[in-house]
């Protein structure tokens, strides 16, 4: 029976060494450099460590049941193996917890970064839209200013043409009056007669107002 115990204990020691080696790899390679998703190799390593721990637990359980009550030395040795098993299981759980926390934190940062980039893109789109609208309004304003300026220029041209026509008409009338003295005398008499009529009408109105005043 002791031969079987020694063989089993040798297997346990090999499994313990393999477990600790893989736990060291798990800690240095995957716990310190966490990625946003677990890779295939990370999952494979985690599963292999879990299988080693289960295999060790089964060996310890089978041997412990068959140890005679009086063999305290052998029982003590396997209790140490069981303690090592519990420590390795605890270390594996701690590594898993740390990796999950770091992975969640990393994914949260990535999500926040994406939101910030999306917000910046929306702001850039809004700013670009505002710039386009500003350019469009400036173009419309420029067109309106041009139309108003053209209208003012046309009005000035019309006024200049009207003044020129009026000046030419007056010049022609004066020239005609100079060439035909009779017309000039006739206009002078008409103007004189109008003035006399206006004086007579003014006097008549004044007399009427005076009579009305006396009546009241």
Protein backbone atom coordinates (compact mmCIF):
# COMPACT_ATOMS: atom_id res chain seq x y z
CA UNK A 1 0.00 0.00 0.00
CA UNK A 2 2.85 2.41 0.78
CA UNK A 3 4.17 1.90 -2.76
CA UNK A 4 0.85 3.12 -4.16
CA UNK A 5 0.92 6.10 -1.80
CA UNK A 6 4.40 7.04 -2.93
CA UNK A 7 3.39 6.81 -6.61
CA UNK A 8 0.27 8.89 -5.97
CA UNK A 9 2.25 11.47 -4.00
CA UNK A 10 4.77 11.70 -6.83
CA UNK A 11 1.90 12.33 -9.26
CA UNK A 12 0.53 15.00 -6.94
CA UNK A 13 3.88 16.76 -6.77
CA UNK A 14 4.15 16.77 -10.58
CA UNK A 15 0.61 18.12 -10.90
CA UNK A 16 1.34 20.79 -8.28
CA UNK A 17 4.48 21.92 -10.11
CA UNK A 18 2.64 22.02 -13.41
CA UNK A 19 -0.23 23.96 -11.81
CA UNK A 20 2.07 26.56 -10.24
CA UNK A 21 3.98 26.99 -13.49
CA UNK A 22 0.79 27.63 -15.42
CA UNK A 23 -0.49 29.95 -12.71
CA UNK A 24 2.73 31.95 -13.08
CA UNK A 25 2.20 32.15 -16.84
CA UNK A 26 -1.43 33.14 -16.31
CA UNK A 27 -0.39 35.93 -13.94
CA UNK A 28 2.50 37.35 -15.98
CA UNK A 29 1.00 37.03 -19.45
CA UNK A 30 -2.73 37.58 -19.06
CA UNK A 31 -3.33 39.28 -15.69
CA UNK A 32 -0.79 42.05 -16.35
CA UNK A 33 -1.71 42.63 -20.00
CA UNK A 34 -5.48 42.37 -20.17
CA UNK A 35 -7.23 42.51 -23.54
CA UNK A 36 -10.82 43.54 -24.16
CA UNK A 37 -11.74 39.91 -24.89
CA UNK A 38 -10.27 36.66 -23.65
CA UNK A 39 -8.14 35.05 -26.35
CA UNK A 40 -8.29 31.38 -27.26
CA UNK A 41 -4.93 30.70 -25.57
CA UNK A 42 -6.08 32.46 -22.39
CA UNK A 43 -9.22 30.32 -22.23
CA UNK A 44 -7.19 27.20 -22.96
CA UNK A 45 -4.71 27.98 -20.16
CA UNK A 46 -7.51 28.72 -17.69
CA UNK A 47 -9.20 25.45 -18.52
CA UNK A 48 -5.99 23.44 -18.21
CA UNK A 49 -5.30 24.90 -14.73
CA UNK A 50 -8.85 24.09 -13.68
CA UNK A 51 -8.43 20.49 -14.89
CA UNK A 52 -5.13 20.12 -13.01
CA UNK A 53 -6.74 21.31 -9.79
CA UNK A 54 -9.66 18.91 -10.24
CA UNK A 55 -7.30 16.00 -10.92
CA UNK A 56 -5.29 16.80 -7.80
CA UNK A 57 -8.44 17.03 -5.75
CA UNK A 58 -9.63 13.62 -6.90
CA UNK A 59 -6.28 12.00 -6.09
CA UNK A 60 -6.18 13.55 -2.63
CA UNK A 61 -9.76 12.51 -1.93
CA UNK A 62 -9.19 8.90 -3.04
CA UNK A 63 -5.98 8.51 -1.02
CA UNK A 64 -7.37 10.18 2.11
CA UNK A 65 -10.28 7.73 2.23
CA UNK A 66 -7.92 4.73 2.16
CA UNK A 67 -5.42 5.99 4.73
CA UNK A 68 -5.52 3.92 7.90
CA UNK A 69 -6.51 5.70 11.07
CA UNK A 70 -3.20 5.09 12.73
CA UNK A 71 -1.05 6.47 9.94
CA UNK A 72 -0.96 10.11 11.05
CA UNK A 73 2.28 10.87 9.25
CA UNK A 74 0.85 9.95 5.87
CA UNK A 75 -2.38 11.77 6.62
CA UNK A 76 -0.39 14.90 7.51
CA UNK A 77 1.46 14.76 4.19
CA UNK A 78 -1.74 14.61 2.19
CA UNK A 79 -3.29 17.38 4.28
CA UNK A 80 -0.37 19.57 3.14
CA UNK A 81 -1.14 18.64 -0.47
CA UNK A 82 -4.77 19.56 0.16
CA UNK A 83 -3.69 22.92 1.61
CA UNK A 84 -1.57 23.54 -1.50
CA UNK A 85 -4.57 22.62 -3.61
CA UNK A 86 -6.78 25.13 -1.79
CA UNK A 87 -4.14 27.85 -2.18
CA UNK A 88 -3.81 27.21 -5.91
CA UNK A 89 -7.60 27.26 -6.33
CA UNK A 90 -7.74 30.54 -4.42
CA UNK A 91 -4.96 32.03 -6.57
CA UNK A 92 -6.78 30.98 -9.75
CA UNK A 93 -10.00 32.60 -8.52
CA UNK A 94 -8.12 35.80 -7.65
CA UNK A 95 -6.50 35.92 -11.09
CA UNK A 96 -9.87 35.44 -12.77
CA UNK A 97 -11.41 38.19 -10.64
CA UNK A 98 -8.57 40.65 -11.37
CA UNK A 99 -8.66 39.92 -15.09
CA UNK A 100 -12.45 40.36 -15.23
CA UNK A 101 -12.25 43.67 -13.35
CA UNK A 102 -9.51 44.99 -15.61
CA UNK A 103 -11.36 43.77 -18.69
CA UNK A 104 -14.58 45.50 -17.61
CA UNK A 105 -12.66 48.69 -16.87
CA UNK A 106 -10.93 48.52 -20.25
CA UNK A 107 -14.20 47.95 -22.10
CA UNK A 108 -15.77 50.85 -20.21
CA UNK A 109 -12.93 53.14 -21.29
CA UNK A 110 -13.28 51.96 -24.88
CA UNK A 111 -17.03 52.61 -24.75
CA UNK A 112 -16.52 56.11 -23.33
CA UNK A 113 -13.90 56.84 -25.98
CA UNK A 114 -16.31 55.73 -28.72
CA UNK A 115 -19.02 57.99 -27.27
CA UNK A 116 -16.60 60.93 -27.20
CA UNK A 117 -15.56 60.29 -30.79
CA UNK A 118 -19.20 60.01 -31.86
CA UNK A 119 -19.98 63.27 -30.05
CA UNK A 120 -17.03 64.97 -31.73
CA UNK A 121 -18.18 63.69 -35.11
CA UNK A 122 -21.68 65.02 -34.44
CA UNK A 123 -20.21 68.36 -33.38
CA UNK A 124 -18.05 68.43 -36.50
CA UNK A 125 -21.10 67.68 -38.65
CA UNK A 126 -23.08 70.44 -36.91
CA UNK A 127 -20.20 72.89 -37.29
CA UNK A 128 -19.82 71.96 -40.95
CA UNK A 129 -23.55 72.45 -41.45
CA UNK A 130 -23.41 75.86 -39.79
CA UNK A 131 -20.47 76.86 -41.97
CA UNK A 132 -22.35 75.77 -45.09
CA UNK A 133 -25.42 77.72 -44.00
CA UNK A 134 -23.28 80.77 -43.27
CA UNK A 135 -21.69 80.58 -46.73
CA UNK A 136 -25.11 80.15 -48.33
CA UNK A 137 -26.49 83.19 -46.47
CA UNK A 138 -23.41 85.22 -47.42
CA UNK A 139 -23.96 84.30 -51.07
CA UNK A 140 -27.64 85.27 -50.87
CA UNK A 141 -26.72 88.53 -49.15
CA UNK A 142 -24.14 89.25 -51.84
CA UNK A 143 -26.74 88.64 -54.55
CA UNK A 144 -29.25 90.92 -52.79
CA UNK A 145 -26.63 93.63 -52.38
CA UNK A 146 -25.82 93.37 -56.08
CA UNK A 147 -29.51 93.61 -57.03
CA UNK A 148 -29.99 96.64 -54.78
CA UNK A 149 -26.89 98.30 -56.20
CA UNK A 150 -28.08 97.59 -59.74
CA UNK A 151 -31.48 99.07 -58.88
CA UNK A 152 -29.85 102.19 -57.43
CA UNK A 153 -27.65 102.54 -60.49
CA UNK A 154 -30.67 102.16 -62.78
CA UNK A 155 -32.59 104.79 -60.79
CA UNK A 156 -29.66 107.19 -60.99
CA UNK A 157 -29.39 106.60 -64.72
CA UNK A 158 -33.12 107.23 -65.17
CA UNK A 159 -32.93 110.42 -63.09
CA UNK A 160 -29.93 111.61 -65.10
CA UNK A 161 -31.73 110.86 -68.34
CA UNK A 162 -34.88 112.62 -67.09
CA UNK A 163 -32.90 115.68 -66.04
CA UNK A 164 -31.12 115.68 -69.35
CA UNK A 165 -34.42 115.42 -71.25
CA UNK A 166 -35.95 118.20 -69.13
CA UNK A 167 -32.89 120.37 -69.65
CA UNK A 168 -32.99 119.75 -73.39
CA UNK A 169 -36.71 120.56 -73.46
CA UNK A 170 -36.18 123.83 -71.60
CA UNK A 171 -33.31 124.68 -73.89
CA UNK A 172 -35.47 124.01 -76.95
CA UNK A 173 -38.35 126.09 -75.55
CA UNK A 174 -36.03 128.96 -74.74
CA UNK A 175 -34.45 128.66 -78.15
CA UNK A 176 -37.90 128.64 -79.75
CA UNK A 177 -38.96 131.69 -77.74
CA UNK A 178 -35.84 133.52 -78.83
CA UNK A 179 -36.50 132.68 -82.48
CA UNK A 180 -40.20 133.75 -82.32
CA UNK A 181 -40.48 137.06 -80.40
CA UNK A 182 -44.25 137.16 -80.74
CA UNK A 183 -44.70 134.04 -78.65
CA UNK A 184 -42.51 135.50 -75.93
CA UNK A 185 -44.61 138.69 -75.86
CA UNK A 186 -47.80 136.65 -75.80
CA UNK A 187 -46.60 134.59 -72.83
CA UNK A 188 -45.53 137.78 -71.06
CA UNK A 189 -49.00 139.29 -71.55
CA UNK A 190 -50.67 136.10 -70.32
CA UNK A 191 -48.51 136.08 -67.20
CA UNK A 192 -49.25 139.79 -66.61
CA UNK A 193 -52.98 139.22 -67.01
CA UNK A 194 -52.85 136.29 -64.59
CA UNK A 195 -51.15 138.48 -62.03
CA UNK A 196 -53.81 141.20 -62.44
CA UNK A 197 -56.59 138.64 -62.08
CA UNK A 198 -54.96 137.29 -58.93
CA UNK A 199 -54.76 140.82 -57.47
CA UNK A 200 -58.41 141.49 -58.30
CA UNK A 201 -59.49 138.18 -56.78
CA UNK A 202 -57.48 138.86 -53.64
CA UNK A 203 -59.08 142.30 -53.22
CA UNK A 204 -62.54 140.89 -53.80
CA UNK A 205 -62.01 138.16 -51.21
CA UNK A 206 -60.71 140.70 -48.73
CA UNK A 207 -63.78 142.95 -49.19
CA UNK A 208 -66.10 139.98 -48.72
CA UNK A 209 -64.35 138.93 -45.52
CA UNK A 210 -64.58 142.50 -44.22
CA UNK A 211 -68.32 142.70 -44.94
CA UNK A 212 -68.90 139.37 -43.24
CA UNK A 213 -66.99 140.60 -40.23
CA UNK A 214 -69.15 143.73 -40.01
CA UNK A 215 -72.32 141.70 -40.27
CA UNK A 216 -71.46 139.66 -37.22
